[in-house]
Amino acid sequence: MKSVLILLTLGLFSMMGKSQERKASSRDSSFQQELPLVSHKCNENRLPIHYSYDSTSQIHNYSGNWDFDKDGKKDAVFFIGTGGAHLYFYLRVVLSLDNKKRDFSFLEIDHPCAGDARELIHDDFGLLPMFPQFVVHDFDSDSFDEIYLHIDQPTFSVMPMRYKRKVSYSRHILLKYKNGNFVLRKFQSL
């Protein structure tokens, strides 16, 4: 009985996978015709951004899109793969102002695909969605973009306590560049 159930389950997952592949390939082909700049699945929502992914080094590169320090030059944003069976990515920001790497290795996400701020809407229960996990937007309307990250439970559970306190124990986090540093705070809502 167990072997039949396992075979049925595997068959169902196999059929679901093929269905998803068909949907993805049809979506990808129309996507490539509409916006041929980026062909990776991370830009399915067709944001007008520069983006590349290097599967060998496991780096998502969003450089040249945002100016966090307001020096008039676009800054570099990367998500660096940590390796392993379930690949996580930590945030790295390099400001054009000083060209210094700022690694936020305690802020890991497993789906570093840029989302739109309009997707961050509370549901009927007052909860934010699981995705997107990464959004850049001027959330507080002060002409400075902030970085929103939705940290999943396994990452949050090993986050150092001093950072958990800064974000009021929320897994929805904003990074804001202010007075020469990035400041962590809890994401409230739009």
N, C-alpha and C. Protein backbone atom coordinates (compact mmCIF):
# COMPACT_ATOMS: atom_id res chain seq x y z
N MET A 1 0.82 -1.20 0.00
CA MET A 1 0.00 0.00 0.00
C MET A 1 0.87 1.26 0.00
N LYS A 2 1.94 1.27 0.82
CA LYS A 2 2.82 2.43 0.87
C LYS A 2 3.49 2.68 -0.48
N SER A 3 3.92 1.59 -1.15
CA SER A 3 4.60 1.76 -2.43
C SER A 3 3.64 2.31 -3.49
N VAL A 4 2.37 1.90 -3.46
CA VAL A 4 1.38 2.42 -4.40
C VAL A 4 1.16 3.91 -4.15
N LEU A 5 1.05 4.28 -2.88
CA LEU A 5 0.84 5.67 -2.53
C LEU A 5 2.05 6.52 -2.96
N ILE A 6 3.24 6.01 -2.75
CA ILE A 6 4.45 6.73 -3.15
C ILE A 6 4.49 6.90 -4.66
N LEU A 7 4.16 5.83 -5.41
CA LEU A 7 4.17 5.91 -6.86
C LEU A 7 3.12 6.91 -7.37
N LEU A 8 1.93 6.88 -6.76
CA LEU A 8 0.89 7.83 -7.15
C LEU A 8 1.34 9.26 -6.86
N THR A 9 1.95 9.47 -5.71
CA THR A 9 2.42 10.80 -5.34
C THR A 9 3.50 11.26 -6.31
N LEU A 10 4.45 10.39 -6.63
CA LEU A 10 5.51 10.75 -7.57
C LEU A 10 4.94 11.05 -8.95
N GLY A 11 3.96 10.28 -9.36
CA GLY A 11 3.31 10.51 -10.65
C GLY A 11 2.60 11.85 -10.69
N LEU A 12 1.92 12.19 -9.59
CA LEU A 12 1.23 13.47 -9.50
C LEU A 12 2.22 14.63 -9.58
N PHE A 13 3.33 14.53 -8.82
CA PHE A 13 4.34 15.58 -8.87
C PHE A 13 4.95 15.68 -10.26
N SER A 14 5.15 14.55 -10.91
CA SER A 14 5.72 14.55 -12.25
C SER A 14 4.77 15.27 -13.21
N MET A 15 3.46 14.96 -13.12
CA MET A 15 2.48 15.61 -13.99
C MET A 15 2.41 17.10 -13.69
N MET A 16 2.47 17.47 -12.41
CA MET A 16 2.43 18.89 -12.04
C MET A 16 3.65 19.60 -12.59
N GLY A 17 4.79 18.97 -12.50
CA GLY A 17 6.03 19.57 -13.00
C GLY A 17 5.96 19.83 -14.49
N LYS A 18 5.42 18.83 -15.26
CA LYS A 18 5.31 19.01 -16.70
C LYS A 18 4.33 20.12 -17.04
N SER A 19 3.24 20.20 -16.27
CA SER A 19 2.27 21.27 -16.49
C SER A 19 2.91 22.63 -16.22
N GLN A 20 3.67 22.73 -15.13
CA GLN A 20 4.35 23.99 -14.80
C GLN A 20 5.38 24.34 -15.87
N GLU A 21 6.10 23.30 -16.38
CA GLU A 21 7.10 23.56 -17.41
C GLU A 21 6.44 24.11 -18.67
N ARG A 22 5.27 23.52 -19.04
CA ARG A 22 4.57 24.01 -20.21
C ARG A 22 4.13 25.45 -20.02
N LYS A 23 3.57 25.76 -18.84
CA LYS A 23 3.15 27.12 -18.56
C LYS A 23 4.34 28.06 -18.61
N ALA A 24 5.43 27.65 -17.99
CA ALA A 24 6.63 28.50 -17.94
C ALA A 24 7.19 28.72 -19.34
N SER A 25 7.22 27.67 -20.16
CA SER A 25 7.81 27.84 -21.49
C SER A 25 6.93 28.74 -22.34
N SER A 26 5.60 28.63 -22.22
CA SER A 26 4.76 29.53 -23.00
C SER A 26 4.88 30.95 -22.49
N ARG A 27 4.99 31.11 -21.18
CA ARG A 27 5.15 32.44 -20.60
C ARG A 27 6.51 33.02 -21.00
N ASP A 28 7.56 32.18 -20.97
CA ASP A 28 8.89 32.65 -21.32
C ASP A 28 8.97 33.06 -22.78
N SER A 29 8.31 32.30 -23.67
CA SER A 29 8.42 32.65 -25.08
C SER A 29 7.72 33.97 -25.36
N SER A 30 6.56 34.22 -24.74
CA SER A 30 5.90 35.51 -24.95
C SER A 30 6.69 36.62 -24.28
N PHE A 31 7.29 36.32 -23.16
CA PHE A 31 8.09 37.30 -22.44
C PHE A 31 9.28 37.74 -23.28
N GLN A 32 9.96 36.79 -23.91
CA GLN A 32 11.13 37.12 -24.71
C GLN A 32 10.75 38.00 -25.90
N GLN A 33 9.57 37.80 -26.44
CA GLN A 33 9.14 38.62 -27.55
C GLN A 33 8.82 40.04 -27.10
N GLU A 34 8.22 40.19 -25.92
CA GLU A 34 7.82 41.50 -25.43
C GLU A 34 9.00 42.30 -24.89
N LEU A 35 9.89 41.65 -24.15
CA LEU A 35 11.00 42.35 -23.50
C LEU A 35 12.24 41.48 -23.54
N PRO A 36 13.00 41.54 -24.62
CA PRO A 36 14.13 40.63 -24.78
C PRO A 36 15.36 40.98 -23.95
N LEU A 37 15.31 42.04 -23.13
CA LEU A 37 16.48 42.43 -22.37
C LEU A 37 16.91 41.39 -21.34
N VAL A 38 15.94 40.79 -20.67
CA VAL A 38 16.23 39.83 -19.60
C VAL A 38 15.42 38.57 -19.85
N SER A 39 16.10 37.43 -19.90
CA SER A 39 15.38 36.19 -20.18
C SER A 39 15.28 35.28 -18.96
N HIS A 40 15.84 35.67 -17.83
CA HIS A 40 15.80 34.83 -16.63
C HIS A 40 14.45 34.94 -15.95
N LYS A 41 14.03 33.88 -15.30
CA LYS A 41 12.72 33.85 -14.66
C LYS A 41 12.55 34.91 -13.58
N CYS A 42 13.65 35.50 -13.08
CA CYS A 42 13.54 36.51 -12.04
C CYS A 42 12.92 37.80 -12.53
N ASN A 43 12.79 37.99 -13.80
CA ASN A 43 12.15 39.21 -14.29
C ASN A 43 10.84 38.90 -15.00
N GLU A 44 10.12 37.90 -14.50
CA GLU A 44 8.83 37.55 -15.10
C GLU A 44 7.83 38.70 -15.00
N ASN A 45 7.96 39.51 -13.95
CA ASN A 45 7.02 40.62 -13.80
C ASN A 45 7.40 41.82 -14.66
N ARG A 46 8.47 41.67 -15.45
CA ARG A 46 8.88 42.64 -16.47
C ARG A 46 9.18 44.02 -15.91
N LEU A 47 9.84 44.06 -14.77
CA LEU A 47 10.28 45.34 -14.24
C LEU A 47 11.34 45.93 -15.17
N PRO A 48 11.32 47.23 -15.37
CA PRO A 48 12.32 47.86 -16.25
C PRO A 48 13.66 48.03 -15.51
N ILE A 49 14.36 46.93 -15.29
CA ILE A 49 15.60 46.96 -14.52
C ILE A 49 16.71 46.22 -15.25
N HIS A 50 17.94 46.56 -14.89
CA HIS A 50 19.10 45.81 -15.34
C HIS A 50 19.24 44.61 -14.42
N TYR A 51 19.49 43.45 -15.01
CA TYR A 51 19.56 42.24 -14.19
C TYR A 51 20.33 41.17 -14.94
N SER A 52 21.14 40.40 -14.19
CA SER A 52 21.75 39.21 -14.77
C SER A 52 21.95 38.18 -13.67
N TYR A 53 22.05 36.93 -14.08
CA TYR A 53 22.30 35.85 -13.13
C TYR A 53 23.42 34.98 -13.68
N ASP A 54 24.43 34.74 -12.86
CA ASP A 54 25.54 33.86 -13.23
C ASP A 54 25.36 32.57 -12.44
N SER A 55 24.95 31.50 -13.13
CA SER A 55 24.67 30.23 -12.45
C SER A 55 25.94 29.55 -11.95
N THR A 56 27.07 29.85 -12.54
CA THR A 56 28.33 29.26 -12.07
C THR A 56 28.73 29.83 -10.72
N SER A 57 28.72 31.15 -10.60
CA SER A 57 29.09 31.79 -9.33
C SER A 57 27.89 31.97 -8.41
N GLN A 58 26.69 31.69 -8.90
CA GLN A 58 25.43 31.81 -8.15
C GLN A 58 25.23 33.23 -7.63
N ILE A 59 25.33 34.19 -8.54
CA ILE A 59 25.18 35.60 -8.17
C ILE A 59 24.09 36.24 -9.03
N HIS A 60 23.08 36.80 -8.33
CA HIS A 60 22.07 37.64 -8.97
C HIS A 60 22.62 39.07 -8.94
N ASN A 61 22.67 39.72 -10.09
CA ASN A 61 23.27 41.05 -10.19
C ASN A 61 22.20 42.07 -10.60
N TYR A 62 21.90 42.98 -9.70
CA TYR A 62 20.94 44.05 -9.97
C TYR A 62 21.63 45.41 -10.04
N SER A 63 22.89 45.44 -10.39
CA SER A 63 23.67 46.68 -10.41
C SER A 63 23.15 47.65 -11.46
N GLY A 64 23.27 48.93 -11.15
CA GLY A 64 22.90 49.97 -12.11
C GLY A 64 21.45 50.36 -12.12
N ASN A 65 20.70 50.01 -11.07
CA ASN A 65 19.27 50.33 -11.03
C ASN A 65 18.90 51.44 -10.04
N TRP A 66 19.58 51.50 -8.90
CA TRP A 66 19.17 52.40 -7.83
C TRP A 66 20.36 53.17 -7.29
N ASP A 67 20.07 54.36 -6.77
CA ASP A 67 21.09 55.22 -6.17
C ASP A 67 20.71 55.44 -4.70
N PHE A 68 21.19 54.58 -3.82
CA PHE A 68 20.82 54.64 -2.40
C PHE A 68 21.45 55.81 -1.67
N ASP A 69 22.67 56.19 -2.05
CA ASP A 69 23.38 57.25 -1.35
C ASP A 69 23.18 58.63 -1.97
N LYS A 70 22.41 58.70 -3.04
CA LYS A 70 22.06 59.95 -3.74
C LYS A 70 23.29 60.77 -4.15
N ASP A 71 24.29 60.07 -4.67
CA ASP A 71 25.47 60.78 -5.20
C ASP A 71 25.37 60.99 -6.71
N GLY A 72 24.22 60.61 -7.29
CA GLY A 72 24.01 60.79 -8.72
C GLY A 72 24.49 59.61 -9.56
N LYS A 73 25.04 58.58 -8.92
CA LYS A 73 25.52 57.39 -9.63
C LYS A 73 24.78 56.17 -9.09
N LYS A 74 24.44 55.26 -10.00
CA LYS A 74 23.74 54.04 -9.60
C LYS A 74 24.67 53.12 -8.82
N ASP A 75 24.12 52.47 -7.81
CA ASP A 75 24.88 51.58 -6.94
C ASP A 75 24.74 50.13 -7.40
N ALA A 76 25.55 49.25 -6.82
CA ALA A 76 25.54 47.83 -7.18
C ALA A 76 24.83 47.03 -6.09
N VAL A 77 23.94 46.15 -6.53
CA VAL A 77 23.20 45.27 -5.61
C VAL A 77 23.36 43.85 -6.12
N PHE A 78 23.78 42.96 -5.23
CA PHE A 78 23.97 41.56 -5.57
C PHE A 78 23.30 40.69 -4.52
N PHE A 79 22.91 39.49 -4.95
CA PHE A 79 22.56 38.43 -4.01
C PHE A 79 23.54 37.29 -4.30
N ILE A 80 24.32 36.95 -3.29
CA ILE A 80 25.40 35.99 -3.41
C ILE A 80 24.94 34.63 -2.89
N GLY A 81 25.06 33.59 -3.70
CA GLY A 81 24.65 32.24 -3.30
C GLY A 81 25.55 31.67 -2.22
N THR A 82 24.91 30.96 -1.27
CA THR A 82 25.66 30.38 -0.15
C THR A 82 26.00 28.91 -0.38
N GLY A 83 25.53 28.33 -1.47
CA GLY A 83 25.79 26.91 -1.74
C GLY A 83 24.84 26.02 -0.97
N GLY A 84 24.95 24.73 -1.19
CA GLY A 84 24.10 23.79 -0.47
C GLY A 84 22.92 23.31 -1.30
N ALA A 85 22.22 22.34 -0.73
CA ALA A 85 21.09 21.73 -1.43
C ALA A 85 19.94 22.72 -1.61
N HIS A 86 19.63 23.47 -0.58
CA HIS A 86 18.62 24.53 -0.67
C HIS A 86 19.39 25.84 -0.69
N LEU A 87 19.54 26.40 -1.86
CA LEU A 87 20.39 27.56 -2.05
C LEU A 87 19.75 28.83 -1.50
N TYR A 88 20.48 29.49 -0.64
CA TYR A 88 20.08 30.80 -0.13
C TYR A 88 21.05 31.83 -0.68
N PHE A 89 20.62 33.09 -0.67
CA PHE A 89 21.41 34.20 -1.17
C PHE A 89 21.42 35.31 -0.14
N TYR A 90 22.61 35.86 0.13
CA TYR A 90 22.68 37.00 1.03
C TYR A 90 22.89 38.28 0.21
N LEU A 91 22.49 39.38 0.80
CA LEU A 91 22.53 40.67 0.14
C LEU A 91 23.91 41.30 0.24
N ARG A 92 24.38 41.85 -0.88
CA ARG A 92 25.60 42.66 -0.91
C ARG A 92 25.26 43.96 -1.65
N VAL A 93 25.64 45.08 -1.03
CA VAL A 93 25.45 46.38 -1.66
C VAL A 93 26.81 47.05 -1.75
N VAL A 94 27.11 47.60 -2.93
CA VAL A 94 28.34 48.36 -3.14
C VAL A 94 27.91 49.75 -3.61
N LEU A 95 28.13 50.74 -2.75
CA LEU A 95 27.76 52.11 -3.08
C LEU A 95 28.81 52.73 -3.98
N SER A 96 28.38 53.51 -4.96
CA SER A 96 29.32 54.17 -5.86
C SER A 96 30.12 55.24 -5.13
N LEU A 97 29.60 55.72 -4.04
CA LEU A 97 30.26 56.77 -3.26
C LEU A 97 31.63 56.35 -2.74
N ASP A 98 31.72 55.09 -2.23
CA ASP A 98 33.00 54.64 -1.65
C ASP A 98 33.48 53.30 -2.20
N ASN A 99 32.67 52.66 -3.04
CA ASN A 99 33.01 51.38 -3.66
C ASN A 99 33.33 50.29 -2.63
N LYS A 100 32.76 50.39 -1.44
CA LYS A 100 32.98 49.44 -0.35
C LYS A 100 31.88 48.37 -0.35
N LYS A 101 32.28 47.11 -0.24
CA LYS A 101 31.31 46.01 -0.17
C LYS A 101 30.65 46.01 1.20
N ARG A 102 29.33 45.97 1.19
CA ARG A 102 28.56 45.84 2.42
C ARG A 102 27.80 44.53 2.33
N ASP A 103 28.31 43.52 3.02
CA ASP A 103 27.68 42.21 3.02
C ASP A 103 26.73 42.07 4.19
N PHE A 104 25.50 41.71 3.90
CA PHE A 104 24.50 41.46 4.92
C PHE A 104 24.26 39.95 4.95
N SER A 105 25.26 39.23 5.43
CA SER A 105 25.22 37.76 5.40
C SER A 105 24.15 37.19 6.31
N PHE A 106 23.67 37.97 7.25
CA PHE A 106 22.60 37.51 8.15
C PHE A 106 21.22 37.72 7.53
N LEU A 107 21.16 38.34 6.37
CA LEU A 107 19.89 38.55 5.65
C LEU A 107 19.89 37.68 4.40
N GLU A 108 19.43 36.46 4.55
CA GLU A 108 19.41 35.52 3.43
C GLU A 108 17.97 35.28 2.98
N ILE A 109 17.81 35.20 1.68
CA ILE A 109 16.52 34.82 1.10
C ILE A 109 16.77 33.73 0.07
N ASP A 110 15.74 32.97 -0.26
CA ASP A 110 15.95 31.89 -1.22
C ASP A 110 15.35 32.19 -2.59
N HIS A 111 14.75 33.34 -2.75
CA HIS A 111 14.15 33.71 -4.04
C HIS A 111 14.42 35.20 -4.30
N PRO A 112 15.66 35.55 -4.66
CA PRO A 112 16.02 36.97 -4.79
C PRO A 112 15.60 37.60 -6.11
N CYS A 113 14.35 37.43 -6.44
CA CYS A 113 13.82 38.01 -7.66
C CYS A 113 13.09 39.30 -7.31
N ALA A 114 13.47 40.38 -7.97
CA ALA A 114 12.90 41.70 -7.67
C ALA A 114 11.40 41.71 -7.92
N GLY A 115 10.69 42.24 -6.95
CA GLY A 115 9.25 42.38 -7.08
C GLY A 115 8.84 43.84 -7.12
N ASP A 116 7.57 44.05 -7.30
CA ASP A 116 6.99 45.38 -7.37
C ASP A 116 6.38 45.71 -6.01
N ALA A 117 6.52 46.93 -5.55
CA ALA A 117 5.99 47.33 -4.25
C ALA A 117 4.47 47.14 -4.18
N ARG A 118 3.81 47.22 -5.32
CA ARG A 118 2.35 47.04 -5.32
C ARG A 118 1.93 45.62 -4.95
N GLU A 119 2.89 44.69 -4.96
CA GLU A 119 2.60 43.31 -4.57
C GLU A 119 2.59 43.12 -3.06
N LEU A 120 3.06 44.11 -2.32
CA LEU A 120 3.17 44.00 -0.86
C LEU A 120 1.89 44.48 -0.19
N ILE A 121 0.83 43.75 -0.42
CA ILE A 121 -0.49 44.10 0.10
C ILE A 121 -0.89 43.07 1.15
N HIS A 122 -1.39 43.57 2.27
CA HIS A 122 -1.86 42.66 3.33
C HIS A 122 -3.09 41.89 2.85
N ASP A 123 -3.18 40.63 3.25
CA ASP A 123 -4.35 39.84 2.91
C ASP A 123 -5.47 40.11 3.91
N ASP A 124 -6.55 39.33 3.82
CA ASP A 124 -7.71 39.52 4.70
C ASP A 124 -7.38 39.29 6.17
N PHE A 125 -6.28 38.60 6.43
CA PHE A 125 -5.88 38.31 7.80
C PHE A 125 -4.80 39.29 8.29
N GLY A 126 -4.49 40.29 7.48
CA GLY A 126 -3.49 41.29 7.85
C GLY A 126 -2.06 40.84 7.63
N LEU A 127 -1.86 39.77 6.86
CA LEU A 127 -0.52 39.24 6.61
C LEU A 127 -0.01 39.70 5.26
N LEU A 128 1.30 39.88 5.19
CA LEU A 128 1.94 40.19 3.91
C LEU A 128 2.18 38.90 3.14
N PRO A 129 2.27 38.98 1.81
CA PRO A 129 2.48 37.76 1.01
C PRO A 129 3.89 37.19 1.20
N MET A 130 4.04 35.91 0.87
CA MET A 130 5.34 35.25 0.93
C MET A 130 6.29 35.83 -0.13
N PHE A 131 5.76 36.15 -1.29
CA PHE A 131 6.54 36.72 -2.38
C PHE A 131 5.91 38.04 -2.80
N PRO A 132 6.70 38.98 -3.19
CA PRO A 132 8.13 38.93 -3.43
C PRO A 132 8.92 38.99 -2.12
N GLN A 133 10.14 38.48 -2.19
CA GLN A 133 11.04 38.54 -1.03
C GLN A 133 11.99 39.73 -1.14
N PHE A 134 12.02 40.38 -2.28
CA PHE A 134 12.95 41.48 -2.51
C PHE A 134 12.26 42.56 -3.34
N VAL A 135 12.22 43.79 -2.78
CA VAL A 135 11.63 44.94 -3.48
C VAL A 135 12.47 46.16 -3.13
N VAL A 136 12.73 46.99 -4.13
CA VAL A 136 13.37 48.29 -3.88
C VAL A 136 12.35 49.36 -4.25
N HIS A 137 12.12 50.27 -3.30
CA HIS A 137 11.08 51.29 -3.49
C HIS A 137 11.29 52.39 -2.45
N ASP A 138 10.80 53.57 -2.72
CA ASP A 138 10.80 54.66 -1.74
C ASP A 138 9.54 54.51 -0.88
N PHE A 139 9.61 53.66 0.11
CA PHE A 139 8.44 53.33 0.92
C PHE A 139 7.98 54.49 1.81
N ASP A 140 8.89 55.35 2.22
CA ASP A 140 8.51 56.44 3.12
C ASP A 140 8.46 57.81 2.42
N SER A 141 8.49 57.81 1.10
CA SER A 141 8.34 59.02 0.28
C SER A 141 9.30 60.15 0.65
N ASP A 142 10.58 59.79 0.91
CA ASP A 142 11.58 60.80 1.23
C ASP A 142 12.61 60.97 0.12
N SER A 143 12.32 60.42 -1.06
CA SER A 143 13.19 60.46 -2.24
C SER A 143 14.40 59.54 -2.13
N PHE A 144 14.45 58.67 -1.13
CA PHE A 144 15.50 57.66 -1.00
C PHE A 144 14.85 56.28 -1.06
N ASP A 145 15.34 55.44 -1.96
CA ASP A 145 14.82 54.07 -2.04
C ASP A 145 15.30 53.25 -0.84
N GLU A 146 14.45 52.35 -0.40
CA GLU A 146 14.79 51.39 0.64
C GLU A 146 14.74 49.99 0.03
N ILE A 147 15.40 49.05 0.69
CA ILE A 147 15.40 47.65 0.26
C ILE A 147 14.50 46.87 1.21
N TYR A 148 13.47 46.25 0.66
CA TYR A 148 12.59 45.38 1.43
C TYR A 148 13.03 43.94 1.22
N LEU A 149 13.13 43.19 2.32
CA LEU A 149 13.42 41.76 2.25
C LEU A 149 12.43 41.02 3.14
N HIS A 150 11.92 39.92 2.63
CA HIS A 150 11.10 39.03 3.44
C HIS A 150 11.94 37.80 3.76
N ILE A 151 12.36 37.72 5.01
CA ILE A 151 13.23 36.65 5.47
C ILE A 151 12.37 35.46 5.88
N ASP A 152 12.72 34.26 5.41
CA ASP A 152 11.92 33.10 5.79
C ASP A 152 12.31 32.60 7.19
N GLN A 153 11.50 31.70 7.72
CA GLN A 153 11.66 31.26 9.11
C GLN A 153 13.02 30.62 9.40
N PRO A 154 13.54 29.71 8.57
CA PRO A 154 14.85 29.12 8.90
C PRO A 154 15.97 30.17 9.00
N THR A 155 15.96 31.15 8.11
CA THR A 155 16.97 32.21 8.17
C THR A 155 16.76 33.08 9.40
N PHE A 156 15.51 33.42 9.66
CA PHE A 156 15.20 34.29 10.80
C PHE A 156 15.58 33.63 12.12
N SER A 157 15.40 32.32 12.20
CA SER A 157 15.68 31.62 13.45
C SER A 157 17.16 31.67 13.84
N VAL A 158 18.06 31.80 12.86
CA VAL A 158 19.49 31.87 13.18
C VAL A 158 20.04 33.30 13.10
N MET A 159 19.18 34.26 12.84
CA MET A 159 19.62 35.66 12.79
C MET A 159 20.05 36.10 14.19
N PRO A 160 21.16 36.81 14.30
CA PRO A 160 21.60 37.29 15.62
C PRO A 160 20.53 38.14 16.31
N MET A 161 20.40 37.97 17.61
CA MET A 161 19.36 38.63 18.40
C MET A 161 19.40 40.15 18.27
N ARG A 162 20.58 40.74 18.16
CA ARG A 162 20.66 42.21 18.07
C ARG A 162 19.95 42.72 16.83
N TYR A 163 19.95 41.94 15.75
CA TYR A 163 19.24 42.36 14.55
C TYR A 163 17.74 42.09 14.67
N LYS A 164 17.38 41.01 15.31
CA LYS A 164 15.95 40.73 15.52
C LYS A 164 15.30 41.86 16.32
N ARG A 165 16.00 42.35 17.33
CA ARG A 165 15.46 43.45 18.13
C ARG A 165 15.28 44.71 17.28
N LYS A 166 16.23 44.99 16.39
CA LYS A 166 16.15 46.19 15.55
C LYS A 166 14.93 46.18 14.65
N VAL A 167 14.49 45.00 14.26
CA VAL A 167 13.34 44.89 13.35
C VAL A 167 12.08 44.45 14.09
N SER A 168 12.09 44.60 15.42
CA SER A 168 10.94 44.26 16.26
C SER A 168 10.46 42.83 16.02
N TYR A 169 11.40 41.93 15.80
CA TYR A 169 11.12 40.50 15.62
C TYR A 169 10.24 40.21 14.42
N SER A 170 10.32 41.07 13.43
CA SER A 170 9.56 40.86 12.19
C SER A 170 10.47 40.24 11.14
N ARG A 171 9.90 39.42 10.28
CA ARG A 171 10.65 38.86 9.16
C ARG A 171 10.53 39.73 7.91
N HIS A 172 9.78 40.81 8.01
CA HIS A 172 9.62 41.78 6.91
C HIS A 172 10.49 42.98 7.26
N ILE A 173 11.59 43.14 6.52
CA ILE A 173 12.65 44.05 6.91
C ILE A 173 12.91 45.11 5.85
N LEU A 174 13.20 46.31 6.30
CA LEU A 174 13.64 47.39 5.41
C LEU A 174 15.06 47.76 5.74
N LEU A 175 15.86 47.98 4.71
CA LEU A 175 17.21 48.53 4.84
C LEU A 175 17.17 49.91 4.22
N LYS A 176 17.57 50.90 5.00
CA LYS A 176 17.56 52.28 4.52
C LYS A 176 18.94 52.87 4.71
N TYR A 177 19.45 53.52 3.66
CA TYR A 177 20.73 54.19 3.75
C TYR A 177 20.49 55.56 4.37
N LYS A 178 21.17 55.81 5.50
CA LYS A 178 20.96 57.06 6.23
C LYS A 178 22.24 57.45 6.93
N ASN A 179 22.69 58.67 6.74
CA ASN A 179 23.88 59.20 7.41
C ASN A 179 25.10 58.29 7.28
N GLY A 180 25.31 57.77 6.07
CA GLY A 180 26.51 56.98 5.82
C GLY A 180 26.42 55.51 6.17
N ASN A 181 25.27 55.03 6.65
CA ASN A 181 25.10 53.62 7.01
C ASN A 181 23.75 53.10 6.56
N PHE A 182 23.68 51.79 6.44
CA PHE A 182 22.38 51.16 6.21
C PHE A 182 21.78 50.84 7.57
N VAL A 183 20.52 51.21 7.75
CA VAL A 183 19.82 51.02 9.01
C VAL A 183 18.72 49.99 8.78
N LEU A 184 18.63 49.04 9.70
CA LEU A 184 17.56 48.03 9.65
C LEU A 184 16.35 48.52 10.41
N ARG A 185 15.18 48.22 9.86
CA ARG A 185 13.96 48.49 10.61
C ARG A 185 12.85 47.57 10.11
N LYS A 186 11.81 47.50 10.88
CA LYS A 186 10.66 46.67 10.53
C LYS A 186 9.88 47.33 9.41
N PHE A 187 9.46 46.53 8.43
CA PHE A 187 8.59 47.02 7.36
C PHE A 187 7.18 47.09 7.92
N GLN A 188 6.56 48.25 7.80
CA GLN A 188 5.19 48.43 8.30
C GLN A 188 4.17 48.02 7.25
N SER A 189 3.97 48.84 6.27
CA SER A 189 3.08 48.55 5.15
C SER A 189 3.10 49.74 4.21
N LEU A 190 2.45 49.58 3.08
CA LEU A 190 2.38 50.69 2.12
C LEU A 190 1.33 51.68 2.55
